[in-house]
Amino acid sequence: MIELITRDIYLRHTAGDGSTSVREHRVWDAARFVAAQQAEAARLAAKARDEDEPAAFAVEQITQEQYHHERKAR
C-alpha cells in the first residue's frame, strides 16, 4: 500500500483588481503546487494586460501565523 504524505500550506491570492484572499491548501508537493498557482496567476495577468484590464494577479506563500492573522482581520 502506498502512503501519501500531505502537508498544509497557506497562500495569499491577489486578484486582478488588487484585492487579496488567503487560503489553506493540503498538498503532496508544495513547491510544485505553488509554482503551478504562480504560473496560473501570471497567465491571468498577461491575459488581463492584453485586454487592458487590471492585472495585479499574484500568489505568494505565507506562514500559518500570517494566514490566521489575515483571516481574523476580515
N, C-alpha and C. Protein backbone atom coordinates (compact mmCIF):
# COMPACT_ATOMS: atom_id res chain seq x y z
N MET A 1 0.84 -1.19 0.00
CA MET A 1 0.00 0.00 0.00
C MET A 1 0.88 1.25 0.00
N ILE A 2 0.51 2.22 -0.78
CA ILE A 2 1.25 3.48 -0.87
C ILE A 2 0.70 4.45 0.17
N GLU A 3 1.61 5.02 0.94
CA GLU A 3 1.20 6.02 1.94
C GLU A 3 1.44 7.41 1.38
N LEU A 4 0.40 8.21 1.34
CA LEU A 4 0.52 9.57 0.84
C LEU A 4 0.80 10.51 2.01
N ILE A 5 1.81 11.30 1.86
CA ILE A 5 2.17 12.26 2.90
C ILE A 5 1.81 13.65 2.40
N THR A 6 0.92 14.30 3.11
CA THR A 6 0.48 15.63 2.71
C THR A 6 0.92 16.65 3.76
N ARG A 7 0.84 17.90 3.37
CA ARG A 7 1.07 18.99 4.31
C ARG A 7 0.19 20.16 3.95
N ASP A 8 -0.07 20.97 4.93
CA ASP A 8 -0.87 22.17 4.71
C ASP A 8 0.05 23.34 4.40
N ILE A 9 -0.33 24.11 3.40
CA ILE A 9 0.39 25.34 3.09
C ILE A 9 -0.64 26.46 3.01
N TYR A 10 -0.17 27.68 3.09
CA TYR A 10 -1.03 28.85 3.13
C TYR A 10 -0.58 29.82 2.05
N LEU A 11 -1.55 30.30 1.27
CA LEU A 11 -1.24 31.19 0.16
C LEU A 11 -2.10 32.44 0.23
N ARG A 12 -1.50 33.55 -0.19
CA ARG A 12 -2.24 34.80 -0.39
C ARG A 12 -2.44 34.94 -1.89
N HIS A 13 -3.69 34.99 -2.30
CA HIS A 13 -4.05 35.14 -3.71
C HIS A 13 -4.47 36.59 -3.94
N THR A 14 -3.89 37.22 -4.96
CA THR A 14 -4.25 38.59 -5.32
C THR A 14 -4.99 38.56 -6.64
N ALA A 15 -6.17 39.16 -6.66
CA ALA A 15 -6.99 39.22 -7.87
C ALA A 15 -6.47 40.37 -8.76
N GLY A 16 -7.01 40.43 -9.95
CA GLY A 16 -6.57 41.45 -10.90
C GLY A 16 -6.73 42.86 -10.38
N ASP A 17 -7.76 43.10 -9.58
CA ASP A 17 -8.01 44.44 -9.05
C ASP A 17 -7.20 44.76 -7.80
N GLY A 18 -6.36 43.82 -7.38
CA GLY A 18 -5.51 44.05 -6.20
C GLY A 18 -6.09 43.54 -4.90
N SER A 19 -7.34 43.10 -4.90
CA SER A 19 -7.93 42.55 -3.67
C SER A 19 -7.27 41.20 -3.36
N THR A 20 -7.17 40.89 -2.08
CA THR A 20 -6.49 39.66 -1.70
C THR A 20 -7.40 38.75 -0.89
N SER A 21 -7.06 37.48 -0.93
CA SER A 21 -7.70 36.48 -0.07
C SER A 21 -6.62 35.50 0.34
N VAL A 22 -6.80 34.89 1.50
CA VAL A 22 -5.85 33.88 1.96
C VAL A 22 -6.57 32.54 1.98
N ARG A 23 -5.83 31.50 1.63
CA ARG A 23 -6.42 30.16 1.56
C ARG A 23 -5.45 29.13 2.10
N GLU A 24 -6.02 28.09 2.66
CA GLU A 24 -5.24 26.95 3.13
C GLU A 24 -5.39 25.83 2.09
N HIS A 25 -4.29 25.18 1.77
CA HIS A 25 -4.30 24.10 0.78
C HIS A 25 -3.59 22.89 1.38
N ARG A 26 -4.14 21.71 1.18
CA ARG A 26 -3.47 20.46 1.58
C ARG A 26 -2.86 19.87 0.32
N VAL A 27 -1.55 19.70 0.32
CA VAL A 27 -0.84 19.32 -0.90
C VAL A 27 0.15 18.18 -0.63
N TRP A 28 0.55 17.51 -1.72
CA TRP A 28 1.59 16.50 -1.64
C TRP A 28 2.96 17.12 -1.91
N ASP A 29 3.02 17.97 -2.88
CA ASP A 29 4.28 18.59 -3.29
C ASP A 29 4.09 20.11 -3.28
N ALA A 30 4.50 20.74 -2.19
CA ALA A 30 4.25 22.17 -2.01
C ALA A 30 4.90 23.01 -3.09
N ALA A 31 6.16 22.74 -3.41
CA ALA A 31 6.87 23.54 -4.40
C ALA A 31 6.17 23.47 -5.76
N ARG A 32 5.76 22.28 -6.14
CA ARG A 32 5.09 22.11 -7.43
C ARG A 32 3.74 22.82 -7.44
N PHE A 33 3.00 22.72 -6.35
CA PHE A 33 1.69 23.35 -6.26
C PHE A 33 1.81 24.87 -6.33
N VAL A 34 2.74 25.44 -5.55
CA VAL A 34 2.92 26.90 -5.55
C VAL A 34 3.36 27.37 -6.93
N ALA A 35 4.27 26.65 -7.56
CA ALA A 35 4.71 27.03 -8.90
C ALA A 35 3.54 27.02 -9.89
N ALA A 36 2.67 26.03 -9.79
CA ALA A 36 1.51 25.96 -10.68
C ALA A 36 0.55 27.12 -10.42
N GLN A 37 0.34 27.45 -9.15
CA GLN A 37 -0.54 28.57 -8.81
C GLN A 37 0.04 29.90 -9.32
N GLN A 38 1.36 30.06 -9.18
CA GLN A 38 2.00 31.29 -9.66
C GLN A 38 1.97 31.38 -11.18
N ALA A 39 2.13 30.25 -11.85
CA ALA A 39 2.05 30.24 -13.31
C ALA A 39 0.65 30.63 -13.77
N GLU A 40 -0.37 30.14 -13.07
CA GLU A 40 -1.75 30.49 -13.43
C GLU A 40 -1.99 31.98 -13.20
N ALA A 41 -1.47 32.53 -12.10
CA ALA A 41 -1.62 33.96 -11.84
C ALA A 41 -0.92 34.77 -12.93
N ALA A 42 0.25 34.34 -13.35
CA ALA A 42 0.98 35.04 -14.42
C ALA A 42 0.19 34.98 -15.73
N ARG A 43 -0.42 33.83 -16.02
CA ARG A 43 -1.24 33.69 -17.24
C ARG A 43 -2.43 34.63 -17.19
N LEU A 44 -3.10 34.69 -16.03
CA LEU A 44 -4.25 35.59 -15.89
C LEU A 44 -3.84 37.06 -16.00
N ALA A 45 -2.68 37.40 -15.45
CA ALA A 45 -2.19 38.78 -15.53
C ALA A 45 -1.88 39.16 -16.97
N ALA A 46 -1.24 38.26 -17.71
CA ALA A 46 -0.92 38.53 -19.11
C ALA A 46 -2.20 38.71 -19.93
N LYS A 47 -3.19 37.86 -19.68
CA LYS A 47 -4.46 37.97 -20.40
C LYS A 47 -5.14 39.30 -20.06
N ALA A 48 -5.13 39.68 -18.80
CA ALA A 48 -5.75 40.94 -18.39
C ALA A 48 -5.05 42.13 -19.04
N ARG A 49 -3.72 42.09 -19.08
CA ARG A 49 -2.97 43.19 -19.73
C ARG A 49 -3.33 43.28 -21.20
N ASP A 50 -3.46 42.13 -21.86
CA ASP A 50 -3.83 42.11 -23.28
C ASP A 50 -5.21 42.72 -23.50
N GLU A 51 -6.08 42.56 -22.51
CA GLU A 51 -7.45 43.07 -22.62
C GLU A 51 -7.61 44.44 -21.96
N ASP A 52 -6.47 45.04 -21.58
CA ASP A 52 -6.46 46.37 -20.97
C ASP A 52 -7.29 46.43 -19.68
N GLU A 53 -7.18 45.37 -18.87
CA GLU A 53 -7.88 45.29 -17.60
C GLU A 53 -6.85 45.27 -16.46
N PRO A 54 -7.29 45.49 -15.22
CA PRO A 54 -6.37 45.42 -14.08
C PRO A 54 -5.69 44.05 -14.03
N ALA A 55 -4.38 44.06 -13.79
CA ALA A 55 -3.62 42.82 -13.90
C ALA A 55 -2.71 42.57 -12.71
N ALA A 56 -3.22 42.75 -11.51
CA ALA A 56 -2.39 42.60 -10.31
C ALA A 56 -2.33 41.15 -9.81
N PHE A 57 -2.72 40.19 -10.63
CA PHE A 57 -2.76 38.79 -10.20
C PHE A 57 -1.42 38.33 -9.63
N ALA A 58 -1.47 37.66 -8.48
CA ALA A 58 -0.26 37.13 -7.87
C ALA A 58 -0.63 36.06 -6.85
N VAL A 59 0.34 35.23 -6.53
CA VAL A 59 0.19 34.22 -5.48
C VAL A 59 1.49 34.18 -4.72
N GLU A 60 1.40 34.21 -3.38
CA GLU A 60 2.61 34.08 -2.56
C GLU A 60 2.32 33.19 -1.38
N GLN A 61 3.33 32.41 -1.01
CA GLN A 61 3.19 31.54 0.15
C GLN A 61 3.39 32.37 1.41
N ILE A 62 2.54 32.13 2.42
CA ILE A 62 2.63 32.84 3.68
C ILE A 62 2.69 31.82 4.81
N THR A 63 2.99 32.29 6.01
CA THR A 63 3.07 31.39 7.16
C THR A 63 1.67 31.12 7.72
N GLN A 64 1.58 30.10 8.55
CA GLN A 64 0.32 29.80 9.21
C GLN A 64 -0.12 30.97 10.08
N GLU A 65 0.83 31.61 10.74
CA GLU A 65 0.51 32.76 11.58
C GLU A 65 -0.07 33.91 10.75
N GLN A 66 0.54 34.20 9.61
CA GLN A 66 0.03 35.25 8.73
C GLN A 66 -1.39 34.90 8.25
N TYR A 67 -1.59 33.64 7.92
CA TYR A 67 -2.89 33.18 7.46
C TYR A 67 -3.95 33.45 8.53
N HIS A 68 -3.68 33.02 9.76
CA HIS A 68 -4.66 33.20 10.83
C HIS A 68 -4.89 34.68 11.14
N HIS A 69 -3.82 35.48 11.10
CA HIS A 69 -3.95 36.91 11.35
C HIS A 69 -4.86 37.57 10.30
N GLU A 70 -4.64 37.24 9.03
CA GLU A 70 -5.44 37.85 7.96
C GLU A 70 -6.88 37.34 7.98
N ARG A 71 -7.08 36.10 8.37
CA ARG A 71 -8.44 35.57 8.48
C ARG A 71 -9.22 36.30 9.58
N LYS A 72 -8.56 36.57 10.69
CA LYS A 72 -9.21 37.28 11.80
C LYS A 72 -9.53 38.71 11.43
N ALA A 73 -8.69 39.33 10.58
CA ALA A 73 -8.87 40.74 10.22
C ALA A 73 -10.05 40.94 9.27
N ARG A 74 -10.56 39.91 8.67
CA ARG A 74 -11.66 40.04 7.69
C ARG A 74 -12.98 40.02 8.36
